[in-house]
Amino acid sequence: MITKLKNKKTIYIISLITLLIDQIVKNIIKSKMVIYQEIKVIPNFFSLYYVENEGAAFSILGNQIYFLILISIICLVILNKFILEEKLPKISYFPLGILLGGIMGNLIDRIIYQKVTDFLSIFIFKYSFPVFNIADIAICLGTFFLIIIFIITEKKEEKRNDNSN
């Protein structure tokens, strides 16, 4: 088990870096802005808009803090077990790391503040996306790239099996 962990420490380093960036930026936002303050960075496209979300993505499951904490912990346990037990392609280390870091970033907010700090606001073609944060980006990108990696890996494995028959 120690050898497996040593070979995959990159994942945990990436998750720690992601977590630190997320938490540092959230603390800067909270210390420099007041709730519902908006700073337009690119008019009609991008702004910093400080809000606090008591739910999950798109504010679903609002006020279900203990459920969201439990789900986050379950996800972290499952991902950690997967990382330690599976033979993973090195290309999956970065997405796994940012996914873990993102989950931990929002989990820390939920445990300490009972809500998540969001501050990135995008407006495109008269549509205002839900406000999000760095942890959210890490979770979405990590999940997206892991799905792509595992689809490609599965296709390669199927092709290898077809060629060996």
Foldseek 3Di string as FASTA:
>chain_A
DVVLCVVLVLLQVLLVVLLVVQVVVLVVCPVPHDAQDWDDPDPQFKIWGKHWALAPAVNPPHPVLVVLLVVLVVVLVVLVCCSSPDDDDPVLSNLSSLLNNLSVNQSVCCVPPSTGIFTIWTHDPNDIHPTHTSSVVSNVVSVVVVVVVVVVVVVVVVVVVVVVD
